């Protein structure tokens, strides 16, 4: 299993001492998203960010292809043997039909049009955002299915 998948729904304290976390975020500063109770760590050089709830629980991880928002490419291994070079068709051959998809419609965010597919697993989803031509993956998001139902610290 890809080690990043184990971070979902874990507290920042639980993951912050792991070698993988320190490799990515040893120098990054925790930042707050304006107007909402969400925090994040981003390493634009290594192409990864982690989204945290107001209780500092990991709710999402973004892995960047190097072709989106000016963030460098994530060079680690992606879940399920996916590669950023995979087309939408190749991902579907590997993963099967998505549970939710943009279909033939594009998601328009900040001057970018995107096709996307989402696959649900037991406790998380894999969201794949493709370029306009569907020839490669721009962004891979691992997201908690408990998003919005954040487990309170015990």
N, C-alpha and C. Protein backbone atom coordinates (compact mmCIF):
# COMPACT_ATOMS: atom_id res chain seq x y z
N UNK A 1 0.85 -1.18 0.00
CA UNK A 1 0.00 0.00 0.00
C UNK A 1 0.90 1.24 0.00
N UNK A 2 0.51 2.22 -0.77
CA UNK A 2 1.22 3.48 -0.81
C UNK A 2 1.12 4.13 0.58
N UNK A 3 2.26 4.52 1.14
CA UNK A 3 2.28 5.06 2.50
C UNK A 3 1.45 6.32 2.66
N UNK A 4 1.31 7.11 1.60
CA UNK A 4 0.50 8.32 1.69
C UNK A 4 -0.95 8.00 2.01
N UNK A 5 -1.44 6.86 1.53
CA UNK A 5 -2.83 6.48 1.81
C UNK A 5 -3.07 6.30 3.30
N UNK A 6 -2.03 5.93 4.04
CA UNK A 6 -2.19 5.71 5.48
C UNK A 6 -2.29 7.02 6.25
N UNK A 7 -1.98 8.14 5.63
CA UNK A 7 -2.08 9.44 6.31
C UNK A 7 -3.52 9.93 6.43
N UNK A 8 -4.39 9.49 5.54
CA UNK A 8 -5.77 9.97 5.55
C UNK A 8 -6.44 9.63 6.89
N UNK A 9 -7.11 10.62 7.47
CA UNK A 9 -7.81 10.52 8.76
C UNK A 9 -6.88 10.35 9.96
N UNK A 10 -5.59 10.57 9.76
CA UNK A 10 -4.63 10.54 10.88
C UNK A 10 -4.37 11.97 11.34
N UNK A 11 -3.99 12.10 12.60
CA UNK A 11 -3.67 13.43 13.11
C UNK A 11 -2.28 13.85 12.64
N UNK A 12 -2.08 15.13 12.61
CA UNK A 12 -0.77 15.67 12.25
C UNK A 12 0.29 15.12 13.19
N UNK A 13 -0.04 15.00 14.47
CA UNK A 13 0.91 14.43 15.43
C UNK A 13 1.30 13.00 15.06
N UNK A 14 0.34 12.22 14.57
CA UNK A 14 0.62 10.82 14.21
C UNK A 14 1.59 10.69 13.04
N UNK A 15 1.51 11.61 12.09
CA UNK A 15 2.33 11.45 10.89
C UNK A 15 3.58 12.32 10.88
N UNK A 16 3.61 13.35 11.73
CA UNK A 16 4.67 14.36 11.63
C UNK A 16 6.06 13.87 11.97
N UNK A 17 6.18 12.73 12.61
CA UNK A 17 7.50 12.21 12.96
C UNK A 17 7.98 11.12 12.00
N UNK A 18 7.16 10.78 11.02
CA UNK A 18 7.57 9.74 10.07
C UNK A 18 8.60 10.28 9.10
N UNK A 19 9.45 9.41 8.60
CA UNK A 19 10.50 9.82 7.66
C UNK A 19 9.87 10.44 6.42
N UNK A 20 8.81 9.83 5.90
CA UNK A 20 8.18 10.35 4.68
C UNK A 20 7.67 11.78 4.90
N UNK A 21 7.02 12.01 6.00
CA UNK A 21 6.51 13.36 6.30
C UNK A 21 7.67 14.34 6.39
N UNK A 22 8.71 13.97 7.11
CA UNK A 22 9.86 14.85 7.28
C UNK A 22 10.57 15.12 5.96
N UNK A 23 10.57 14.13 5.06
CA UNK A 23 11.16 14.33 3.73
C UNK A 23 10.44 15.43 2.96
N UNK A 24 9.12 15.54 3.15
CA UNK A 24 8.33 16.52 2.41
C UNK A 24 8.13 17.84 3.14
N UNK A 25 7.96 17.77 4.46
CA UNK A 25 7.47 18.94 5.19
C UNK A 25 8.32 19.39 6.37
N UNK A 26 9.57 19.05 6.40
CA UNK A 26 10.40 19.42 7.56
C UNK A 26 10.60 20.93 7.67
N UNK A 27 10.50 21.66 6.57
CA UNK A 27 10.74 23.11 6.59
C UNK A 27 9.50 23.94 6.28
N UNK A 28 8.41 23.29 5.95
CA UNK A 28 7.19 24.02 5.57
C UNK A 28 6.46 24.49 6.82
N UNK A 29 5.77 25.60 6.68
CA UNK A 29 5.04 26.20 7.80
C UNK A 29 3.55 25.92 7.60
N UNK A 30 2.90 25.50 8.67
CA UNK A 30 1.46 25.26 8.65
C UNK A 30 0.76 26.58 8.36
N UNK A 31 -0.15 26.55 7.38
CA UNK A 31 -0.88 27.75 6.99
C UNK A 31 -2.37 27.53 7.15
N UNK A 32 -3.10 28.60 7.38
CA UNK A 32 -4.56 28.51 7.53
C UNK A 32 -5.22 29.05 6.27
N UNK A 33 -6.26 28.35 5.83
CA UNK A 33 -7.06 28.84 4.71
C UNK A 33 -7.95 29.95 5.26
N UNK A 34 -7.97 31.06 4.56
CA UNK A 34 -8.74 32.21 5.01
C UNK A 34 -10.22 31.89 5.09
N UNK A 35 -10.87 32.32 6.15
CA UNK A 35 -12.32 32.27 6.35
C UNK A 35 -12.90 30.88 6.58
N UNK A 36 -12.09 29.82 6.61
CA UNK A 36 -12.62 28.50 6.96
C UNK A 36 -11.64 27.82 7.91
N UNK A 37 -12.14 26.86 8.66
CA UNK A 37 -11.32 26.16 9.64
C UNK A 37 -10.56 25.01 9.00
N UNK A 38 -9.66 25.36 8.11
CA UNK A 38 -8.85 24.37 7.40
C UNK A 38 -7.42 24.89 7.36
N UNK A 39 -6.50 23.95 7.49
CA UNK A 39 -5.07 24.27 7.45
C UNK A 39 -4.42 23.45 6.36
N UNK A 40 -3.21 23.86 5.96
CA UNK A 40 -2.50 23.09 4.96
C UNK A 40 -1.00 23.27 5.06
N UNK A 41 -0.30 22.28 4.55
CA UNK A 41 1.14 22.32 4.35
C UNK A 41 1.37 22.08 2.87
N UNK A 42 2.22 22.88 2.25
CA UNK A 42 2.50 22.66 0.83
C UNK A 42 4.01 22.70 0.60
N UNK A 43 4.46 21.77 -0.21
CA UNK A 43 5.84 21.76 -0.67
C UNK A 43 5.77 21.85 -2.20
N UNK A 44 5.84 23.07 -2.71
CA UNK A 44 5.71 23.29 -4.16
C UNK A 44 6.90 22.71 -4.92
N UNK A 45 8.04 22.62 -4.29
CA UNK A 45 9.22 22.07 -4.95
C UNK A 45 9.07 20.57 -5.18
N UNK A 46 8.47 19.87 -4.19
CA UNK A 46 8.31 18.42 -4.31
C UNK A 46 6.92 18.01 -4.78
N UNK A 47 6.04 18.98 -5.04
CA UNK A 47 4.75 18.70 -5.67
C UNK A 47 3.73 18.00 -4.81
N UNK A 48 3.65 18.39 -3.54
CA UNK A 48 2.69 17.74 -2.63
C UNK A 48 2.14 18.76 -1.64
N UNK A 49 0.86 18.60 -1.29
CA UNK A 49 0.32 19.33 -0.16
C UNK A 49 -0.58 18.42 0.65
N UNK A 50 -0.78 18.81 1.90
CA UNK A 50 -1.64 18.08 2.82
C UNK A 50 -2.65 19.07 3.37
N UNK A 51 -3.93 18.70 3.34
CA UNK A 51 -5.01 19.53 3.86
C UNK A 51 -5.44 18.94 5.21
N UNK A 52 -5.59 19.82 6.19
CA UNK A 52 -5.90 19.40 7.56
C UNK A 52 -7.17 20.10 8.05
N UNK A 53 -7.94 19.37 8.83
CA UNK A 53 -9.15 19.95 9.43
C UNK A 53 -8.76 20.89 10.57
N UNK A 54 -9.75 21.51 11.16
CA UNK A 54 -9.50 22.39 12.31
C UNK A 54 -8.97 21.62 13.52
N UNK A 55 -9.12 20.28 13.51
CA UNK A 55 -8.57 19.43 14.57
C UNK A 55 -7.23 18.81 14.15
N UNK A 56 -6.69 19.30 13.03
CA UNK A 56 -5.40 18.84 12.50
C UNK A 56 -5.41 17.36 12.12
N UNK A 57 -6.52 16.96 11.52
CA UNK A 57 -6.67 15.62 10.96
C UNK A 57 -6.50 15.75 9.45
N UNK A 58 -5.75 14.83 8.84
CA UNK A 58 -5.51 14.88 7.39
C UNK A 58 -6.81 14.53 6.67
N UNK A 59 -7.30 15.48 5.87
CA UNK A 59 -8.53 15.25 5.11
C UNK A 59 -8.25 15.04 3.63
N UNK A 60 -7.10 15.53 3.15
CA UNK A 60 -6.79 15.35 1.72
C UNK A 60 -5.29 15.54 1.49
N UNK A 61 -4.84 14.92 0.41
CA UNK A 61 -3.45 15.06 -0.05
C UNK A 61 -3.52 15.31 -1.55
N UNK A 62 -2.85 16.35 -2.02
CA UNK A 62 -2.77 16.63 -3.45
C UNK A 62 -1.37 16.29 -3.95
N UNK A 63 -1.31 15.56 -5.05
CA UNK A 63 -0.05 15.23 -5.70
C UNK A 63 -0.08 15.86 -7.08
N UNK A 64 0.89 16.71 -7.36
CA UNK A 64 0.90 17.54 -8.56
C UNK A 64 1.76 16.91 -9.66
N UNK A 65 1.33 17.09 -10.89
CA UNK A 65 2.01 16.53 -12.07
C UNK A 65 3.15 17.39 -12.58
N UNK A 66 3.24 18.62 -12.07
CA UNK A 66 4.21 19.58 -12.60
C UNK A 66 3.64 20.40 -13.74
N UNK A 67 2.39 20.12 -14.11
CA UNK A 67 1.74 20.83 -15.21
C UNK A 67 0.47 21.55 -14.74
N UNK A 68 0.41 21.84 -13.44
CA UNK A 68 -0.79 22.44 -12.88
C UNK A 68 -0.40 23.45 -11.80
N UNK A 69 -0.89 24.65 -11.92
CA UNK A 69 -0.73 25.73 -10.95
C UNK A 69 0.73 26.09 -10.65
N UNK A 70 1.64 25.71 -11.52
CA UNK A 70 3.03 26.08 -11.33
C UNK A 70 3.76 25.31 -10.24
N UNK A 71 3.13 24.26 -9.72
CA UNK A 71 3.74 23.44 -8.68
C UNK A 71 4.54 22.32 -9.36
N UNK A 72 5.73 22.04 -8.86
CA UNK A 72 6.58 21.00 -9.44
C UNK A 72 5.93 19.62 -9.37
N UNK A 73 6.49 18.70 -10.12
CA UNK A 73 5.99 17.34 -10.18
C UNK A 73 6.34 16.56 -8.92
N UNK A 74 5.36 15.83 -8.40
CA UNK A 74 5.59 14.88 -7.31
C UNK A 74 6.31 13.69 -7.90
N UNK A 75 7.49 13.39 -7.38
CA UNK A 75 8.33 12.33 -7.95
C UNK A 75 8.20 10.99 -7.23
N UNK A 76 7.40 10.93 -6.16
CA UNK A 76 7.20 9.67 -5.45
C UNK A 76 6.25 8.76 -6.21
N UNK A 77 6.02 7.58 -5.65
CA UNK A 77 5.10 6.65 -6.31
C UNK A 77 3.66 7.06 -6.02
N UNK A 78 2.83 6.95 -7.04
CA UNK A 78 1.41 7.26 -6.93
C UNK A 78 0.66 6.00 -6.54
N UNK A 79 -0.50 6.16 -5.90
CA UNK A 79 -1.30 4.99 -5.54
C UNK A 79 -1.75 4.19 -6.77
N UNK A 80 -1.93 2.90 -6.57
CA UNK A 80 -2.50 2.00 -7.57
C UNK A 80 -1.70 1.94 -8.88
N UNK A 81 -0.41 2.17 -8.78
CA UNK A 81 0.48 2.11 -9.95
C UNK A 81 0.09 3.09 -11.05
N UNK A 82 -0.56 4.16 -10.66
CA UNK A 82 -0.93 5.22 -11.60
C UNK A 82 0.32 6.05 -11.88
N UNK A 83 0.39 6.62 -13.06
CA UNK A 83 1.46 7.54 -13.42
C UNK A 83 0.81 8.79 -14.01
N UNK A 84 1.43 9.95 -13.78
CA UNK A 84 0.88 11.19 -14.31
C UNK A 84 0.77 11.17 -15.84
N UNK A 85 1.57 10.36 -16.50
CA UNK A 85 1.53 10.30 -17.96
C UNK A 85 0.33 9.53 -18.49
N UNK A 86 -0.43 8.88 -17.60
CA UNK A 86 -1.57 8.08 -18.05
C UNK A 86 -2.70 8.96 -18.57
N UNK A 87 -3.26 8.55 -19.68
CA UNK A 87 -4.46 9.21 -20.20
C UNK A 87 -5.67 8.76 -19.38
N UNK A 88 -6.76 9.44 -19.57
CA UNK A 88 -8.01 9.04 -18.90
C UNK A 88 -8.38 7.61 -19.30
N UNK A 89 -8.21 7.29 -20.57
CA UNK A 89 -8.52 5.95 -21.05
C UNK A 89 -7.64 4.90 -20.36
N UNK A 90 -6.36 5.17 -20.23
CA UNK A 90 -5.45 4.20 -19.60
C UNK A 90 -5.77 4.02 -18.12
N UNK A 91 -6.12 5.12 -17.42
CA UNK A 91 -6.51 5.01 -16.02
C UNK A 91 -7.73 4.12 -15.89
N UNK A 92 -8.70 4.30 -16.76
CA UNK A 92 -9.92 3.49 -16.70
C UNK A 92 -9.65 2.03 -17.02
N UNK A 93 -8.69 1.77 -17.88
CA UNK A 93 -8.30 0.38 -18.14
C UNK A 93 -7.69 -0.25 -16.89
N UNK A 94 -6.94 0.53 -16.13
CA UNK A 94 -6.30 0.05 -14.90
C UNK A 94 -7.28 -0.03 -13.74
N UNK A 95 -8.09 1.02 -13.55
CA UNK A 95 -8.93 1.15 -12.35
C UNK A 95 -10.38 0.75 -12.56
N UNK A 96 -10.80 0.60 -13.81
CA UNK A 96 -12.20 0.33 -14.10
C UNK A 96 -12.99 1.62 -14.24
N UNK A 97 -14.30 1.49 -14.30
CA UNK A 97 -15.15 2.67 -14.44
C UNK A 97 -15.16 3.46 -13.14
N UNK A 98 -15.07 4.78 -13.23
CA UNK A 98 -15.08 5.59 -12.01
C UNK A 98 -16.45 5.57 -11.34
N UNK A 99 -16.45 5.82 -10.04
CA UNK A 99 -17.70 5.90 -9.29
C UNK A 99 -18.45 7.20 -9.58
N UNK A 100 -17.70 8.27 -9.80
CA UNK A 100 -18.26 9.56 -10.20
C UNK A 100 -17.33 10.14 -11.26
N UNK A 101 -17.90 10.84 -12.21
CA UNK A 101 -17.08 11.40 -13.28
C UNK A 101 -17.67 12.72 -13.75
N UNK A 102 -16.83 13.53 -14.34
CA UNK A 102 -17.34 14.74 -14.97
C UNK A 102 -18.03 14.40 -16.28
N UNK A 103 -17.93 13.14 -16.69
CA UNK A 103 -18.53 12.73 -17.95
C UNK A 103 -17.89 13.47 -19.10
N UNK A 104 -18.68 14.00 -19.96
CA UNK A 104 -18.16 14.77 -21.08
C UNK A 104 -18.10 16.26 -20.78
N UNK A 105 -18.34 16.61 -19.52
CA UNK A 105 -18.32 18.01 -19.13
C UNK A 105 -17.03 18.32 -18.39
N UNK A 106 -16.57 19.53 -18.55
CA UNK A 106 -15.36 19.95 -17.88
C UNK A 106 -15.69 20.77 -16.65
N UNK A 107 -14.86 20.61 -15.62
CA UNK A 107 -14.95 21.42 -14.43
C UNK A 107 -14.14 22.68 -14.67
N UNK A 108 -14.76 23.83 -14.57
CA UNK A 108 -14.05 25.09 -14.82
C UNK A 108 -13.69 25.75 -13.50
N UNK A 109 -12.40 25.82 -13.26
CA UNK A 109 -11.88 26.50 -12.07
C UNK A 109 -10.78 27.44 -12.51
N UNK A 110 -10.89 28.66 -12.15
CA UNK A 110 -9.83 29.66 -12.37
C UNK A 110 -9.17 29.56 -13.74
N UNK A 111 -9.94 29.73 -14.77
CA UNK A 111 -9.43 29.76 -16.15
C UNK A 111 -8.90 28.42 -16.64
N UNK A 112 -9.16 27.34 -15.94
CA UNK A 112 -8.73 26.01 -16.37
C UNK A 112 -9.97 25.14 -16.54
N UNK A 113 -10.02 24.38 -17.60
CA UNK A 113 -11.10 23.42 -17.80
C UNK A 113 -10.53 22.03 -17.57
N UNK A 114 -11.26 21.21 -16.82
CA UNK A 114 -10.74 19.91 -16.44
C UNK A 114 -11.80 18.82 -16.54
N UNK A 115 -11.38 17.69 -17.04
CA UNK A 115 -12.17 16.47 -16.91
C UNK A 115 -11.67 15.76 -15.67
N UNK A 116 -12.53 15.03 -15.00
CA UNK A 116 -12.09 14.32 -13.80
C UNK A 116 -12.88 13.04 -13.59
N UNK A 117 -12.26 12.12 -12.86
CA UNK A 117 -12.88 10.87 -12.43
C UNK A 117 -12.58 10.68 -10.95
N UNK A 118 -13.51 10.04 -10.24
CA UNK A 118 -13.31 9.77 -8.82
C UNK A 118 -13.64 8.30 -8.54
N UNK A 119 -12.76 7.68 -7.76
CA UNK A 119 -12.90 6.28 -7.36
C UNK A 119 -12.98 6.22 -5.84
N UNK A 120 -14.01 5.55 -5.32
CA UNK A 120 -14.17 5.41 -3.88
C UNK A 120 -13.54 4.12 -3.41
N UNK A 121 -12.87 4.20 -2.29
CA UNK A 121 -12.33 3.05 -1.58
C UNK A 121 -12.96 3.05 -0.19
N UNK A 122 -12.54 2.17 0.70
CA UNK A 122 -13.20 2.06 2.00
C UNK A 122 -13.27 3.37 2.78
N UNK A 123 -12.15 4.05 2.93
CA UNK A 123 -12.11 5.23 3.79
C UNK A 123 -11.66 6.50 3.08
N UNK A 124 -11.40 6.39 1.79
CA UNK A 124 -10.90 7.54 1.03
C UNK A 124 -11.34 7.42 -0.42
N UNK A 125 -11.14 8.51 -1.16
CA UNK A 125 -11.38 8.49 -2.60
C UNK A 125 -10.10 8.93 -3.31
N UNK A 126 -9.99 8.51 -4.56
CA UNK A 126 -8.92 8.95 -5.44
C UNK A 126 -9.59 9.80 -6.53
N UNK A 127 -9.23 11.06 -6.59
CA UNK A 127 -9.80 11.99 -7.56
C UNK A 127 -8.70 12.32 -8.57
N UNK A 128 -8.95 12.05 -9.83
CA UNK A 128 -7.97 12.28 -10.89
C UNK A 128 -8.48 13.40 -11.78
N UNK A 129 -7.69 14.44 -11.89
CA UNK A 129 -8.03 15.58 -12.73
C UNK A 129 -7.12 15.54 -13.96
N UNK A 130 -7.74 15.56 -15.14
CA UNK A 130 -7.01 15.43 -16.40
C UNK A 130 -6.89 16.79 -17.09
N UNK A 131 -5.98 16.87 -18.02
CA UNK A 131 -5.86 18.07 -18.84
C UNK A 131 -7.03 18.14 -19.81
N UNK A 132 -7.12 19.21 -20.57
CA UNK A 132 -8.24 19.40 -21.50
C UNK A 132 -8.34 18.30 -22.55
N UNK A 133 -7.22 17.71 -22.92
CA UNK A 133 -7.21 16.68 -23.97
C UNK A 133 -7.39 15.27 -23.41
N UNK A 134 -7.41 15.14 -22.08
CA UNK A 134 -7.51 13.86 -21.38
C UNK A 134 -6.30 12.96 -21.63
N UNK A 135 -5.18 13.54 -22.03
CA UNK A 135 -3.98 12.77 -22.37
C UNK A 135 -3.08 12.51 -21.17
N UNK A 136 -3.24 13.28 -20.08
CA UNK A 136 -2.42 13.06 -18.90
C UNK A 136 -3.15 13.58 -17.66
N UNK A 137 -2.67 13.16 -16.49
CA UNK A 137 -3.23 13.57 -15.21
C UNK A 137 -2.52 14.84 -14.76
N UNK A 138 -3.29 15.86 -14.43
CA UNK A 138 -2.72 17.10 -13.90
C UNK A 138 -2.56 17.06 -12.38
N UNK A 139 -3.54 16.45 -11.72
CA UNK A 139 -3.58 16.47 -10.26
C UNK A 139 -4.24 15.20 -9.76
N UNK A 140 -3.64 14.58 -8.75
CA UNK A 140 -4.24 13.41 -8.10
C UNK A 140 -4.51 13.80 -6.66
N UNK A 141 -5.76 13.62 -6.23
CA UNK A 141 -6.16 13.96 -4.87
C UNK A 141 -6.63 12.71 -4.16
N UNK A 142 -6.07 12.49 -2.98
CA UNK A 142 -6.54 11.44 -2.08
C UNK A 142 -7.35 12.17 -1.02
N UNK A 143 -8.63 11.81 -0.87
CA UNK A 143 -9.49 12.56 0.04
C UNK A 143 -10.24 11.63 0.98
N UNK A 144 -10.32 12.04 2.22
CA UNK A 144 -11.04 11.28 3.22
C UNK A 144 -12.53 11.23 2.88
N UNK A 145 -13.13 10.09 3.10
CA UNK A 145 -14.59 10.00 2.96
C UNK A 145 -15.29 10.52 4.22
N UNK A 146 -14.49 10.81 5.24
CA UNK A 146 -15.02 11.40 6.47
C UNK A 146 -14.92 12.90 6.45
N UNK A 147 -14.57 13.47 5.29
CA UNK A 147 -14.42 14.92 5.16
C UNK A 147 -15.73 15.58 5.59
N UNK A 148 -15.62 16.52 6.50
CA UNK A 148 -16.83 17.17 7.02
C UNK A 148 -17.38 16.46 8.24
N UNK A 149 -16.96 15.22 8.46
CA UNK A 149 -17.36 14.47 9.65
C UNK A 149 -16.10 14.16 10.45
N UNK A 150 -15.31 15.15 10.63
CA UNK A 150 -14.00 15.03 11.25
C UNK A 150 -14.07 14.37 12.61
N UNK A 151 -13.24 13.35 12.80
CA UNK A 151 -13.17 12.69 14.10
C UNK A 151 -12.54 13.66 15.10
N UNK A 152 -13.20 13.82 16.19
CA UNK A 152 -12.68 14.71 17.24
C UNK A 152 -11.55 13.99 17.98
N UNK A 153 -10.56 14.74 18.42
CA UNK A 153 -9.49 14.13 19.20
C UNK A 153 -10.06 13.51 20.47
N UNK A 154 -9.47 12.40 20.86
CA UNK A 154 -10.00 11.71 22.06
C UNK A 154 -9.33 12.21 23.31
